[in-house]
Amino acid sequence: MTYLNITVAIAAKVATVTINRPEKLNALNRATIEELGHAFAAIKADPNIRVAVLTGSGAKSFVAGADISEFAGLEPAMARDFS
């Protein structure tokens, strides 16, 4: 699968997953969360991978938290569920 918000590199039985949204301080939006779910499911299913490392790109932040710009158009119950 091709990812837009993360990268996955596998070497020597180690999978490195990098959240790659440095312009947003790697804030987690819905698409990024879905990509992470897909990537970690694939990693879990691969018997050749022994370790997974999660990191963030850029110099300022690992993950700033939720990308709250996505909350603006949600009803209160939907925003609660998303968070």
PDB file of N, CA and C in Angstrom:
ATOM      1  N   MET A   1       0.843  -1.182   0.000  1.00  0.00           N
ATOM      2  CA  MET A   1       0.000   0.000   0.000  1.00  0.00           C
ATOM      3  C   MET A   1       0.886   1.243   0.000  1.00  0.00           C
ATOM      4  N   THR A   2       0.453   2.252  -0.713  1.00  0.00           N
ATOM      5  CA  THR A   2       1.155   3.529  -0.731  1.00  0.00           C
ATOM      6  C   THR A   2       0.549   4.429   0.339  1.00  0.00           C
ATOM      7  N   TYR A   3       1.411   5.007   1.172  1.00  0.00           N
ATOM      8  CA  TYR A   3       0.965   5.879   2.255  1.00  0.00           C
ATOM      9  C   TYR A   3       1.262   7.325   1.911  1.00  0.00           C
ATOM     10  N   LEU A   4       0.394   8.232   2.346  1.00  0.00           N
ATOM     11  CA  LEU A   4       0.596   9.664   2.139  1.00  0.00           C
ATOM     12  C   LEU A   4       1.174  10.348   3.366  1.00  0.00           C
ATOM     13  N   ASN A   5       0.887   9.819   4.561  1.00  0.00           N
ATOM     14  CA  ASN A   5       1.241  10.507   5.803  1.00  0.00           C
ATOM     15  C   ASN A   5       2.267   9.778   6.658  1.00  0.00           C
ATOM     16  N   ILE A   6       2.637   8.571   6.257  1.00  0.00           N
ATOM     17  CA  ILE A   6       3.641   7.822   6.991  1.00  0.00           C
ATOM     18  C   ILE A   6       4.596   7.170   5.999  1.00  0.00           C
ATOM     19  N   THR A   7       5.744   6.746   6.513  1.00  0.00           N
ATOM     20  CA  THR A   7       6.646   5.910   5.740  1.00  0.00           C
ATOM     21  C   THR A   7       6.931   4.669   6.569  1.00  0.00           C
ATOM     22  N   VAL A   8       7.208   3.580   5.876  1.00  0.00           N
ATOM     23  CA  VAL A   8       7.546   2.325   6.535  1.00  0.00           C
ATOM     24  C   VAL A   8       8.816   1.797   5.892  1.00  0.00           C
ATOM     25  N   ALA A   9       9.813   1.524   6.728  1.00  0.00           N
ATOM     26  CA  ALA A   9      11.062   0.939   6.254  1.00  0.00           C
ATOM     27  C   ALA A   9      11.324  -0.325   7.063  1.00  0.00           C
ATOM     28  N   ILE A  10      11.729  -1.376   6.384  1.00  0.00           N
ATOM     29  CA  ILE A  10      12.008  -2.638   7.058  1.00  0.00           C
ATOM     30  C   ILE A  10      13.435  -3.050   6.733  1.00  0.00           C
ATOM     31  N   ALA A  11      14.199  -3.311   7.788  1.00  0.00           N
ATOM     32  CA  ALA A  11      15.580  -3.752   7.635  1.00  0.00           C
ATOM     33  C   ALA A  11      15.969  -4.586   8.850  1.00  0.00           C
ATOM     34  N   ALA A  12      16.591  -5.707   8.608  1.00  0.00           N
ATOM     35  CA  ALA A  12      17.111  -6.569   9.672  1.00  0.00           C
ATOM     36  C   ALA A  12      16.044  -6.883  10.726  1.00  0.00           C
ATOM     37  N   LYS A  13      14.849  -7.267  10.272  1.00  0.00           N
ATOM     38  CA  LYS A  13      13.735  -7.663  11.138  1.00  0.00           C
ATOM     39  C   LYS A  13      13.155  -6.524  11.984  1.00  0.00           C
ATOM     40  N   VAL A  14      13.495  -5.277  11.630  1.00  0.00           N
ATOM     41  CA  VAL A  14      12.985  -4.104  12.341  1.00  0.00           C
ATOM     42  C   VAL A  14      12.178  -3.252  11.362  1.00  0.00           C
ATOM     43  N   ALA A  15      10.939  -2.963  11.733  1.00  0.00           N
ATOM     44  CA  ALA A  15      10.099  -2.063  10.944  1.00  0.00           C
ATOM     45  C   ALA A  15      10.115  -0.694  11.610  1.00  0.00           C
ATOM     46  N   THR A  16      10.467   0.321  10.853  1.00  0.00           N
ATOM     47  CA  THR A  16      10.443   1.692  11.355  1.00  0.00           C
ATOM     48  C   THR A  16       9.309   2.431  10.661  1.00  0.00           C
ATOM     49  N   VAL A  17       8.341   2.861  11.460  1.00  0.00           N
ATOM     50  CA  VAL A  17       7.182   3.593  10.951  1.00  0.00           C
ATOM     51  C   VAL A  17       7.382   5.055  11.349  1.00  0.00           C
ATOM     52  N   THR A  18       7.392   5.929  10.361  1.00  0.00           N
ATOM     53  CA  THR A  18       7.614   7.348  10.609  1.00  0.00           C
ATOM     54  C   THR A  18       6.375   8.143  10.212  1.00  0.00           C
ATOM     55  N   ILE A  19       5.832   8.884  11.170  1.00  0.00           N
ATOM     56  CA  ILE A  19       4.739   9.798  10.853  1.00  0.00           C
ATOM     57  C   ILE A  19       5.374  10.976  10.135  1.00  0.00           C
ATOM     58  N   ASN A  20       4.898  11.260   8.937  1.00  0.00           N
ATOM     59  CA  ASN A  20       5.580  12.207   8.066  1.00  0.00           C
ATOM     60  C   ASN A  20       4.675  13.381   7.697  1.00  0.00           C
ATOM     61  N   ARG A  21       4.364  14.186   8.712  1.00  0.00           N
ATOM     62  CA  ARG A  21       3.591  15.421   8.516  1.00  0.00           C
ATOM     63  C   ARG A  21       4.275  16.552   9.283  1.00  0.00           C
ATOM     64  N   PRO A  22       5.551  16.802   9.021  1.00  0.00           N
ATOM     65  CA  PRO A  22       6.278  17.785   9.842  1.00  0.00           C
ATOM     66  C   PRO A  22       5.689  19.189   9.770  1.00  0.00           C
ATOM     67  N   GLU A  23       5.033  19.531   8.647  1.00  0.00           N
ATOM     68  CA  GLU A  23       4.433  20.863   8.526  1.00  0.00           C
ATOM     69  C   GLU A  23       3.266  21.046   9.496  1.00  0.00           C
ATOM     70  N   LYS A  24       2.712  19.938   9.993  1.00  0.00           N
ATOM     71  CA  LYS A  24       1.625  19.958  10.979  1.00  0.00           C
ATOM     72  C   LYS A  24       2.100  19.407  12.321  1.00  0.00           C
ATOM     73  N   LEU A  25       3.421  19.390  12.520  1.00  0.00           N
ATOM     74  CA  LEU A  25       4.032  18.825  13.729  1.00  0.00           C
ATOM     75  C   LEU A  25       3.573  17.386  13.964  1.00  0.00           C
ATOM     76  N   ASN A  26       3.335  16.674  12.861  1.00  0.00           N
ATOM     77  CA  ASN A  26       2.923  15.274  12.880  1.00  0.00           C
ATOM     78  C   ASN A  26       1.609  15.044  13.616  1.00  0.00           C
ATOM     79  N   ALA A  27       0.748  16.059  13.640  1.00  0.00           N
ATOM     80  CA  ALA A  27      -0.566  15.911  14.272  1.00  0.00           C
ATOM     81  C   ALA A  27      -1.335  14.788  13.577  1.00  0.00           C
ATOM     82  N   LEU A  28      -2.073  14.041  14.365  1.00  0.00           N
ATOM     83  CA  LEU A  28      -2.783  12.874  13.852  1.00  0.00           C
ATOM     84  C   LEU A  28      -4.161  13.252  13.312  1.00  0.00           C
ATOM     85  N   ASN A  29      -4.322  13.103  12.017  1.00  0.00           N
ATOM     86  CA  ASN A  29      -5.637  13.272  11.414  1.00  0.00           C
ATOM     87  C   ASN A  29      -6.197  11.881  11.119  1.00  0.00           C
ATOM     88  N   ARG A  30      -7.412  11.838  10.658  1.00  0.00           N
ATOM     89  CA  ARG A  30      -8.082  10.555  10.405  1.00  0.00           C
ATOM     90  C   ARG A  30      -7.295   9.689   9.422  1.00  0.00           C
ATOM     91  N   ALA A  31      -6.797  10.288   8.344  1.00  0.00           N
ATOM     92  CA  ALA A  31      -6.059   9.526   7.332  1.00  0.00           C
ATOM     93  C   ALA A  31      -4.791   8.922   7.919  1.00  0.00           C
ATOM     94  N   THR A  32      -4.088   9.684   8.738  1.00  0.00           N
ATOM     95  CA  THR A  32      -2.852   9.180   9.353  1.00  0.00           C
ATOM     96  C   THR A  32      -3.149   8.025  10.297  1.00  0.00           C
ATOM     97  N   ILE A  33      -4.209   8.152  11.079  1.00  0.00           N
ATOM     98  CA  ILE A  33      -4.586   7.077  12.001  1.00  0.00           C
ATOM     99  C   ILE A  33      -4.931   5.810  11.219  1.00  0.00           C
ATOM    100  N   GLU A  34      -5.637   5.949  10.107  1.00  0.00           N
ATOM    101  CA  GLU A  34      -5.975   4.787   9.279  1.00  0.00           C
ATOM    102  C   GLU A  34      -4.717   4.157   8.688  1.00  0.00           C
ATOM    103  N   GLU A  35      -3.790   4.991   8.229  1.00  0.00           N
ATOM    104  CA  GLU A  35      -2.544   4.471   7.676  1.00  0.00           C
ATOM    105  C   GLU A  35      -1.742   3.737   8.744  1.00  0.00           C
ATOM    106  N   LEU A  36      -1.682   4.297   9.947  1.00  0.00           N
ATOM    107  CA  LEU A  36      -0.970   3.626  11.036  1.00  0.00           C
ATOM    108  C   LEU A  36      -1.602   2.272  11.348  1.00  0.00           C
ATOM    109  N   GLY A  37      -2.925   2.218  11.376  1.00  0.00           N
ATOM    110  CA  GLY A  37      -3.613   0.950  11.625  1.00  0.00           C
ATOM    111  C   GLY A  37      -3.275  -0.087  10.580  1.00  0.00           C
ATOM    112  N   HIS A  38      -3.288   0.329   9.322  1.00  0.00           N
ATOM    113  CA  HIS A  38      -2.960  -0.589   8.237  1.00  0.00           C
ATOM    114  C   HIS A  38      -1.510  -1.055   8.348  1.00  0.00           C
ATOM    115  N   ALA A  39      -0.597  -0.127   8.570  1.00  0.00           N
ATOM    116  CA  ALA A  39       0.823  -0.477   8.635  1.00  0.00           C
ATOM    117  C   ALA A  39       1.111  -1.431   9.788  1.00  0.00           C
ATOM    118  N   PHE A  40       0.562  -1.157  10.961  1.00  0.00           N
ATOM    119  CA  PHE A  40       0.840  -2.028  12.101  1.00  0.00           C
ATOM    120  C   PHE A  40       0.161  -3.384  11.966  1.00  0.00           C
ATOM    121  N   ALA A  41      -0.973  -3.463  11.296  1.00  0.00           N
ATOM    122  CA  ALA A  41      -1.593  -4.763  11.023  1.00  0.00           C
ATOM    123  C   ALA A  41      -0.698  -5.587  10.090  1.00  0.00           C
ATOM    124  N   ALA A  42      -0.135  -4.938   9.079  1.00  0.00           N
ATOM    125  CA  ALA A  42       0.764  -5.630   8.157  1.00  0.00           C
ATOM    126  C   ALA A  42       2.038  -6.074   8.870  1.00  0.00           C
ATOM    127  N   ILE A  43       2.547  -5.222   9.750  1.00  0.00           N
ATOM    128  CA  ILE A  43       3.750  -5.571  10.508  1.00  0.00           C
ATOM    129  C   ILE A  43       3.469  -6.767  11.412  1.00  0.00           C
ATOM    130  N   LYS A  44       2.340  -6.745  12.088  1.00  0.00           N
ATOM    131  CA  LYS A  44       1.969  -7.845  12.982  1.00  0.00           C
ATOM    132  C   LYS A  44       1.845  -9.160  12.222  1.00  0.00           C
ATOM    133  N   ALA A  45       1.348  -9.100  10.994  1.00  0.00           N
ATOM    134  CA  ALA A  45       1.142 -10.307  10.198  1.00  0.00           C
ATOM    135  C   ALA A  45       2.419 -10.851   9.568  1.00  0.00           C
ATOM    136  N   ASP A  46       3.478 -10.096   9.586  1.00  0.00           N
ATOM    137  CA  ASP A  46       4.732 -10.506   8.945  1.00  0.00           C
ATOM    138  C   ASP A  46       5.628 -11.213   9.958  1.00  0.00           C
ATOM    139  N   PRO A  47       5.808 -12.518   9.843  1.00  0.00           N
ATOM    140  CA  PRO A  47       6.613 -13.249  10.826  1.00  0.00           C
ATOM    141  C   PRO A  47       8.101 -12.904  10.775  1.00  0.00           C
ATOM    142  N   ASN A  48       8.533 -12.218   9.728  1.00  0.00           N
ATOM    143  CA  ASN A  48       9.944 -11.848   9.623  1.00  0.00           C
ATOM    144  C   ASN A  48      10.276 -10.576  10.390  1.00  0.00           C
ATOM    145  N   ILE A  49       9.277  -9.848  10.834  1.00  0.00           N
ATOM    146  CA  ILE A  49       9.508  -8.616  11.589  1.00  0.00           C
ATOM    147  C   ILE A  49       9.425  -8.930  13.070  1.00  0.00           C
ATOM    148  N   ARG A  50      10.453  -8.541  13.810  1.00  0.00           N
ATOM    149  CA  ARG A  50      10.519  -8.819  15.241  1.00  0.00           C
ATOM    150  C   ARG A  50      10.281  -7.592  16.104  1.00  0.00           C
ATOM    151  N   VAL A  51      10.553  -6.409  15.546  1.00  0.00           N
ATOM    152  CA  VAL A  51      10.469  -5.164  16.318  1.00  0.00           C
ATOM    153  C   VAL A  51       9.853  -4.085  15.436  1.00  0.00           C
ATOM    154  N   ALA A  52       9.025  -3.238  16.055  1.00  0.00           N
ATOM    155  CA  ALA A  52       8.480  -2.078  15.355  1.00  0.00           C
ATOM    156  C   ALA A  52       8.854  -0.828  16.140  1.00  0.00           C
ATOM    157  N   VAL A  53       9.330   0.172  15.425  1.00  0.00           N
ATOM    158  CA  VAL A  53       9.704   1.452  16.016  1.00  0.00           C
ATOM    159  C   VAL A  53       8.796   2.510  15.403  1.00  0.00           C
ATOM    160  N   LEU A  54       8.196   3.349  16.248  1.00  0.00           N
ATOM    161  CA  LEU A  54       7.357   4.450  15.783  1.00  0.00           C
ATOM    162  C   LEU A  54       8.077   5.751  16.067  1.00  0.00           C
ATOM    163  N   THR A  55       8.195   6.584  15.050  1.00  0.00           N
ATOM    164  CA  THR A  55       8.891   7.856  15.203  1.00  0.00           C
ATOM    165  C   THR A  55       8.169   8.931  14.387  1.00  0.00           C
ATOM    166  N   GLY A  56       8.582  10.162  14.565  1.00  0.00           N
ATOM    167  CA  GLY A  56       8.011  11.275  13.813  1.00  0.00           C
ATOM    168  C   GLY A  56       9.092  12.007  13.044  1.00  0.00           C
ATOM    169  N   SER A  57       8.734  12.571  11.903  1.00  0.00           N
ATOM    170  CA  SER A  57       9.702  13.314  11.098  1.00  0.00           C
ATOM    171  C   SER A  57       9.771  14.767  11.562  1.00  0.00           C
ATOM    172  N   GLY A  58      10.828  15.439  11.158  1.00  0.00           N
ATOM    173  CA  GLY A  58      10.992  16.851  11.503  1.00  0.00           C
ATOM    174  C   GLY A  58      11.738  17.021  12.812  1.00  0.00           C
ATOM    175  N   ALA A  59      12.114  18.248  13.074  1.00  0.00           N
ATOM    176  CA  ALA A  59      12.949  18.546  14.240  1.00  0.00           C
ATOM    177  C   ALA A  59      12.164  19.045  15.447  1.00  0.00           C
ATOM    178  N   LYS A  60      10.883  19.383  15.275  1.00  0.00           N
ATOM    179  CA  LYS A  60      10.165  20.049  16.359  1.00  0.00           C
ATOM    180  C   LYS A  60       9.329  19.131  17.232  1.00  0.00           C
ATOM    181  N   SER A  61       8.837  18.013  16.700  1.00  0.00           N
ATOM    182  CA  SER A  61       7.852  17.272  17.463  1.00  0.00           C
ATOM    183  C   SER A  61       7.779  15.825  17.025  1.00  0.00           C
ATOM    184  N   PHE A  62       7.546  14.930  17.989  1.00  0.00           N
ATOM    185  CA  PHE A  62       7.246  13.530  17.666  1.00  0.00           C
ATOM    186  C   PHE A  62       5.828  13.485  17.099  1.00  0.00           C
ATOM    187  N   VAL A  63       4.840  13.831  17.907  1.00  0.00           N
ATOM    188  CA  VAL A  63       3.440  13.957  17.499  1.00  0.00           C
ATOM    189  C   VAL A  63       2.814  15.045  18.363  1.00  0.00           C
ATOM    190  N   ALA A  64       2.216  16.027  17.734  1.00  0.00           N
ATOM    191  CA  ALA A  64       1.631  17.145  18.473  1.00  0.00           C
ATOM    192  C   ALA A  64       0.287  16.791  19.102  1.00  0.00           C
ATOM    193  N   GLY A  65      -0.271  15.643  18.739  1.00  0.00           N
ATOM    194  CA  GLY A  65      -1.595  15.259  19.227  1.00  0.00           C
ATOM    195  C   GLY A  65      -2.549  15.173  18.061  1.00  0.00           C
ATOM    196  N   ALA A  66      -3.816  15.388  18.337  1.00  0.00           N
ATOM    197  CA  ALA A  66      -4.833  15.316  17.291  1.00  0.00           C
ATOM    198  C   ALA A  66      -4.786  16.568  16.415  1.00  0.00           C
ATOM    199  N   ASP A  67      -5.079  16.381  15.152  1.00  0.00           N
ATOM    200  CA  ASP A  67      -5.198  17.507  14.230  1.00  0.00           C
ATOM    201  C   ASP A  67      -6.598  18.082  14.416  1.00  0.00           C
ATOM    202  N   ILE A  68      -6.709  19.091  15.272  1.00  0.00           N
ATOM    203  CA  ILE A  68      -8.018  19.604  15.673  1.00  0.00           C
ATOM    204  C   ILE A  68      -8.762  20.311  14.548  1.00  0.00           C
ATOM    205  N   SER A  69      -8.088  20.596  13.442  1.00  0.00           N
ATOM    206  CA  SER A  69      -8.792  21.210  12.311  1.00  0.00           C
ATOM    207  C   SER A  69      -9.882  20.284  11.782  1.00  0.00           C
ATOM    208  N   GLU A  70      -9.746  18.984  12.003  1.00  0.00           N
ATOM    209  CA  GLU A  70     -10.772  18.036  11.565  1.00  0.00           C
ATOM    210  C   GLU A  70     -12.004  18.038  12.471  1.00  0.00           C
ATOM    211  N   PHE A  71     -11.898  18.599  13.658  1.00  0.00           N
ATOM    212  CA  PHE A  71     -13.017  18.626  14.589  1.00  0.00           C
ATOM    213  C   PHE A  71     -14.047  19.698  14.215  1.00  0.00           C
ATOM    214  N   ALA A  72     -13.645  20.693  13.452  1.00  0.00           N
ATOM    215  CA  ALA A  72     -14.489  21.851  13.176  1.00  0.00           C
ATOM    216  C   ALA A  72     -15.843  21.491  12.572  1.00  0.00           C
ATOM    217  N   GLY A  73     -15.888  20.535  11.685  1.00  0.00           N
ATOM    218  CA  GLY A  73     -17.139  20.206  11.020  1.00  0.00           C
ATOM    219  C   GLY A  73     -17.907  19.053  11.642  1.00  0.00           C
ATOM    220  N   LEU A  74     -17.474  18.598  12.804  1.00  0.00           N
ATOM    221  CA  LEU A  74     -18.118  17.435  13.413  1.00  0.00           C
ATOM    222  C   LEU A  74     -19.155  17.821  14.458  1.00  0.00           C
ATOM    223  N   GLU A  75     -20.195  17.012  14.536  1.00  0.00           N
ATOM    224  CA  GLU A  75     -21.163  17.141  15.625  1.00  0.00           C
ATOM    225  C   GLU A  75     -20.465  16.727  16.924  1.00  0.00           C
ATOM    226  N   PRO A  76     -20.919  17.211  18.078  1.00  0.00           N
ATOM    227  CA  PRO A  76     -20.247  16.884  19.350  1.00  0.00           C
ATOM    228  C   PRO A  76     -20.021  15.381  19.579  1.00  0.00           C
ATOM    229  N   ALA A  77     -21.004  14.558  19.294  1.00  0.00           N
ATOM    230  CA  ALA A  77     -20.848  13.110  19.518  1.00  0.00           C
ATOM    231  C   ALA A  77     -19.784  12.528  18.580  1.00  0.00           C
ATOM    232  N   MET A  78     -19.751  12.997  17.346  1.00  0.00           N
ATOM    233  CA  MET A  78     -18.756  12.508  16.392  1.00  0.00           C
ATOM    234  C   MET A  78     -17.357  12.952  16.799  1.00  0.00           C
ATOM    235  N   ALA A  79     -17.227  14.179  17.286  1.00  0.00           N
ATOM    236  CA  ALA A  79     -15.936  14.687  17.748  1.00  0.00           C
ATOM    237  C   ALA A  79     -15.440  13.871  18.934  1.00  0.00           C
ATOM    238  N   ARG A  80     -16.355  13.538  19.839  1.00  0.00           N
ATOM    239  CA  ARG A  80     -15.981  12.715  21.009  1.00  0.00           C
ATOM    240  C   ARG A  80     -15.487  11.347  20.544  1.00  0.00           C
ATOM    241  N   ASP A  81     -16.205  10.733  19.631  1.00  0.00           N
ATOM    242  CA  ASP A  81     -15.816   9.416  19.139  1.00  0.00           C
ATOM    243  C   ASP A  81     -14.474   9.467  18.414  1.00  0.00           C
ATOM    244  N   PHE A  82     -14.253  10.519  17.638  1.00  0.00           N
ATOM    245  CA  PHE A  82     -12.990  10.654  16.918  1.00  0.00           C
ATOM    246  C   PHE A  82     -11.825  10.825  17.874  1.00  0.00           C
ATOM    247  N   SER A  83     -12.065  11.591  18.934  1.00  0.00           N
ATOM    248  CA  SER A  83     -10.967  11.836  19.878  1.00  0.00           C
ATOM    249  C   SER A  83     -10.647  10.584  20.653  1.00  0.00           C
TER     250      SER A  83
END
